[in-house]
Amino acid sequence: MPKKAEKPAEKAPSFEEALTQLEELVQRMEQGELSLEESMQCYEQGVKLTAFCNGRLKEAKLKIEELRSAANGEQ
């Protein structure tokens, strides 16, 4: 059986790119013209994008807290 060609690792989107993709998915779903299968695919992708955005926001919050602590001489 021949090996399938491996896809190159996709570069993670920036926070802004992921948020834009999420907004586009929401707009498509709100139009109400998608099939059930398409809606489920959009929903699944939306869940992934939401988790990604939440993770990036948590990382940013932690970084800000670290910088504040360092600026106040805490650490």
N, C-alpha and C. Protein backbone atom coordinates (compact mmCIF):
# COMPACT_ATOMS: atom_id res chain seq x y z
N MET A 1 0.84 -1.17 0.00
CA MET A 1 0.00 0.00 0.00
C MET A 1 0.90 1.25 0.00
N PRO A 2 0.71 2.18 -0.96
CA PRO A 2 1.57 3.35 -1.00
C PRO A 2 1.27 4.29 0.16
N LYS A 3 2.34 4.92 0.60
CA LYS A 3 2.20 5.89 1.68
C LYS A 3 1.53 7.15 1.18
N LYS A 4 0.69 7.72 2.02
CA LYS A 4 0.08 9.00 1.66
C LYS A 4 1.11 10.09 1.88
N ALA A 5 1.11 11.06 1.01
CA ALA A 5 2.02 12.19 1.17
C ALA A 5 1.59 12.98 2.40
N GLU A 6 2.55 13.25 3.26
CA GLU A 6 2.23 14.01 4.46
C GLU A 6 2.11 15.48 4.12
N LYS A 7 1.11 16.10 4.73
CA LYS A 7 0.93 17.53 4.52
C LYS A 7 1.97 18.27 5.34
N PRO A 8 2.52 19.34 4.80
CA PRO A 8 3.44 20.12 5.62
C PRO A 8 2.67 20.74 6.78
N ALA A 9 3.34 20.89 7.89
CA ALA A 9 2.70 21.47 9.07
C ALA A 9 2.20 22.88 8.74
N GLU A 10 0.93 23.08 9.04
CA GLU A 10 0.36 24.39 8.76
C GLU A 10 0.79 25.37 9.85
N LYS A 11 1.08 26.58 9.41
CA LYS A 11 1.46 27.62 10.35
C LYS A 11 0.21 28.04 11.11
N ALA A 12 0.33 28.16 12.42
CA ALA A 12 -0.80 28.59 13.23
C ALA A 12 -1.16 30.03 12.86
N PRO A 13 -2.45 30.30 12.77
CA PRO A 13 -2.85 31.67 12.42
C PRO A 13 -2.55 32.62 13.58
N SER A 14 -2.49 33.89 13.26
CA SER A 14 -2.37 34.87 14.33
C SER A 14 -3.71 34.96 15.02
N PHE A 15 -3.75 35.61 16.17
CA PHE A 15 -5.01 35.80 16.88
C PHE A 15 -6.01 36.51 15.98
N GLU A 16 -5.55 37.56 15.30
CA GLU A 16 -6.43 38.35 14.45
C GLU A 16 -6.98 37.53 13.28
N GLU A 17 -6.13 36.69 12.69
CA GLU A 17 -6.58 35.84 11.59
C GLU A 17 -7.63 34.84 12.07
N ALA A 18 -7.38 34.24 13.23
CA ALA A 18 -8.32 33.27 13.77
C ALA A 18 -9.66 33.93 14.10
N LEU A 19 -9.60 35.13 14.65
CA LEU A 19 -10.82 35.85 14.99
C LEU A 19 -11.61 36.20 13.73
N THR A 20 -10.91 36.61 12.69
CA THR A 20 -11.57 36.92 11.41
C THR A 20 -12.22 35.66 10.84
N GLN A 21 -11.53 34.54 10.88
CA GLN A 21 -12.09 33.28 10.39
C GLN A 21 -13.34 32.90 11.20
N LEU A 22 -13.28 33.10 12.50
CA LEU A 22 -14.42 32.79 13.36
C LEU A 22 -15.62 33.68 13.01
N GLU A 23 -15.37 34.96 12.79
CA GLU A 23 -16.45 35.88 12.42
C GLU A 23 -17.07 35.48 11.09
N GLU A 24 -16.24 35.05 10.13
CA GLU A 24 -16.75 34.62 8.83
C GLU A 24 -17.62 33.37 8.96
N LEU A 25 -17.19 32.44 9.82
CA LEU A 25 -17.98 31.23 10.04
C LEU A 25 -19.35 31.57 10.63
N VAL A 26 -19.35 32.46 11.60
CA VAL A 26 -20.60 32.87 12.23
C VAL A 26 -21.54 33.50 11.20
N GLN A 27 -21.00 34.36 10.36
CA GLN A 27 -21.82 34.99 9.32
C GLN A 27 -22.43 33.95 8.38
N ARG A 28 -21.61 32.97 7.97
CA ARG A 28 -22.12 31.93 7.08
C ARG A 28 -23.24 31.14 7.74
N MET A 29 -23.06 30.83 9.01
CA MET A 29 -24.07 30.04 9.71
C MET A 29 -25.34 30.85 9.95
N GLU A 30 -25.19 32.15 10.21
CA GLU A 30 -26.35 32.99 10.46
C GLU A 30 -27.20 33.18 9.21
N GLN A 31 -26.62 33.02 8.04
CA GLN A 31 -27.38 33.17 6.79
C GLN A 31 -28.41 32.05 6.64
N GLY A 32 -28.17 30.93 7.30
CA GLY A 32 -29.13 29.83 7.29
C GLY A 32 -29.21 29.07 5.98
N GLU A 33 -28.20 29.17 5.14
CA GLU A 33 -28.23 28.51 3.84
C GLU A 33 -27.34 27.28 3.76
N LEU A 34 -26.75 26.89 4.88
CA LEU A 34 -25.85 25.74 4.88
C LEU A 34 -26.64 24.46 5.13
N SER A 35 -26.14 23.37 4.59
CA SER A 35 -26.72 22.07 4.91
C SER A 35 -26.35 21.72 6.35
N LEU A 36 -26.98 20.70 6.87
CA LEU A 36 -26.67 20.26 8.23
C LEU A 36 -25.19 19.89 8.33
N GLU A 37 -24.70 19.16 7.34
CA GLU A 37 -23.29 18.73 7.37
C GLU A 37 -22.36 19.94 7.33
N GLU A 38 -22.65 20.91 6.47
CA GLU A 38 -21.82 22.12 6.39
C GLU A 38 -21.88 22.90 7.70
N SER A 39 -23.07 22.96 8.29
CA SER A 39 -23.23 23.66 9.57
C SER A 39 -22.40 22.99 10.66
N MET A 40 -22.41 21.67 10.68
CA MET A 40 -21.63 20.93 11.68
C MET A 40 -20.14 21.15 11.47
N GLN A 41 -19.70 21.18 10.23
CA GLN A 41 -18.28 21.44 9.94
C GLN A 41 -17.89 22.84 10.39
N CYS A 42 -18.76 23.81 10.11
CA CYS A 42 -18.49 25.19 10.54
C CYS A 42 -18.46 25.28 12.06
N TYR A 43 -19.39 24.60 12.70
CA TYR A 43 -19.44 24.61 14.16
C TYR A 43 -18.17 24.01 14.75
N GLU A 44 -17.75 22.87 14.19
CA GLU A 44 -16.53 22.22 14.68
C GLU A 44 -15.31 23.14 14.51
N GLN A 45 -15.20 23.76 13.35
CA GLN A 45 -14.09 24.67 13.10
C GLN A 45 -14.18 25.87 14.06
N GLY A 46 -15.40 26.34 14.30
CA GLY A 46 -15.61 27.46 15.21
C GLY A 46 -15.17 27.14 16.63
N VAL A 47 -15.46 25.92 17.07
CA VAL A 47 -15.03 25.50 18.41
C VAL A 47 -13.51 25.51 18.50
N LYS A 48 -12.86 25.01 17.46
CA LYS A 48 -11.38 24.99 17.45
C LYS A 48 -10.81 26.41 17.45
N LEU A 49 -11.40 27.28 16.65
CA LEU A 49 -10.91 28.66 16.59
C LEU A 49 -11.16 29.39 17.91
N THR A 50 -12.29 29.12 18.54
CA THR A 50 -12.59 29.74 19.83
C THR A 50 -11.58 29.30 20.88
N ALA A 51 -11.27 28.01 20.91
CA ALA A 51 -10.28 27.50 21.86
C ALA A 51 -8.91 28.12 21.59
N PHE A 52 -8.55 28.23 20.32
CA PHE A 52 -7.26 28.84 19.97
C PHE A 52 -7.20 30.29 20.45
N CYS A 53 -8.27 31.07 20.17
CA CYS A 53 -8.30 32.48 20.58
C CYS A 53 -8.26 32.61 22.09
N ASN A 54 -9.01 31.76 22.79
CA ASN A 54 -8.99 31.81 24.26
C ASN A 54 -7.60 31.50 24.80
N GLY A 55 -6.93 30.54 24.19
CA GLY A 55 -5.57 30.21 24.61
C GLY A 55 -4.60 31.37 24.41
N ARG A 56 -4.71 32.02 23.26
CA ARG A 56 -3.84 33.17 22.99
C ARG A 56 -4.11 34.32 23.97
N LEU A 57 -5.39 34.54 24.30
CA LEU A 57 -5.73 35.59 25.27
C LEU A 57 -5.17 35.27 26.65
N LYS A 58 -5.24 34.00 27.05
CA LYS A 58 -4.68 33.59 28.35
C LYS A 58 -3.17 33.80 28.36
N GLU A 59 -2.50 33.45 27.26
CA GLU A 59 -1.06 33.65 27.16
C GLU A 59 -0.71 35.14 27.29
N ALA A 60 -1.48 35.97 26.62
CA ALA A 60 -1.23 37.42 26.67
C ALA A 60 -1.44 37.95 28.08
N LYS A 61 -2.48 37.47 28.74
CA LYS A 61 -2.76 37.91 30.12
C LYS A 61 -1.62 37.51 31.05
N LEU A 62 -1.13 36.28 30.91
CA LEU A 62 -0.01 35.83 31.74
C LEU A 62 1.24 36.66 31.49
N LYS A 63 1.50 36.97 30.22
CA LYS A 63 2.67 37.77 29.88
C LYS A 63 2.57 39.16 30.49
N ILE A 64 1.39 39.75 30.42
CA ILE A 64 1.18 41.08 31.01
C ILE A 64 1.40 41.03 32.52
N GLU A 65 0.88 39.99 33.16
CA GLU A 65 1.07 39.85 34.60
C GLU A 65 2.55 39.69 34.95
N GLU A 66 3.28 38.92 34.14
CA GLU A 66 4.73 38.75 34.36
C GLU A 66 5.44 40.09 34.21
N LEU A 67 5.10 40.84 33.18
CA LEU A 67 5.75 42.14 32.96
C LEU A 67 5.44 43.11 34.08
N ARG A 68 4.21 43.11 34.58
CA ARG A 68 3.86 43.98 35.69
C ARG A 68 4.64 43.61 36.94
N SER A 69 4.73 42.30 37.20
CA SER A 69 5.49 41.83 38.36
C SER A 69 6.95 42.23 38.26
N ALA A 70 7.53 42.07 37.08
CA ALA A 70 8.93 42.41 36.87
C ALA A 70 9.13 43.92 37.03
N ALA A 71 8.18 44.70 36.54
CA ALA A 71 8.30 46.16 36.64
C ALA A 71 8.20 46.62 38.09
N ASN A 72 7.45 45.88 38.89
CA ASN A 72 7.30 46.22 40.31
C ASN A 72 8.37 45.58 41.17
N GLY A 73 9.32 44.86 40.55
CA GLY A 73 10.42 44.23 41.28
C GLY A 73 9.99 43.00 42.03
N GLU A 74 8.88 42.42 41.67
CA GLU A 74 8.39 41.23 42.38
C GLU A 74 9.01 39.99 41.79
N GLN A 75 8.60 39.18 41.11
CA GLN A 75 9.12 37.93 40.57
C GLN A 75 9.34 36.98 41.63
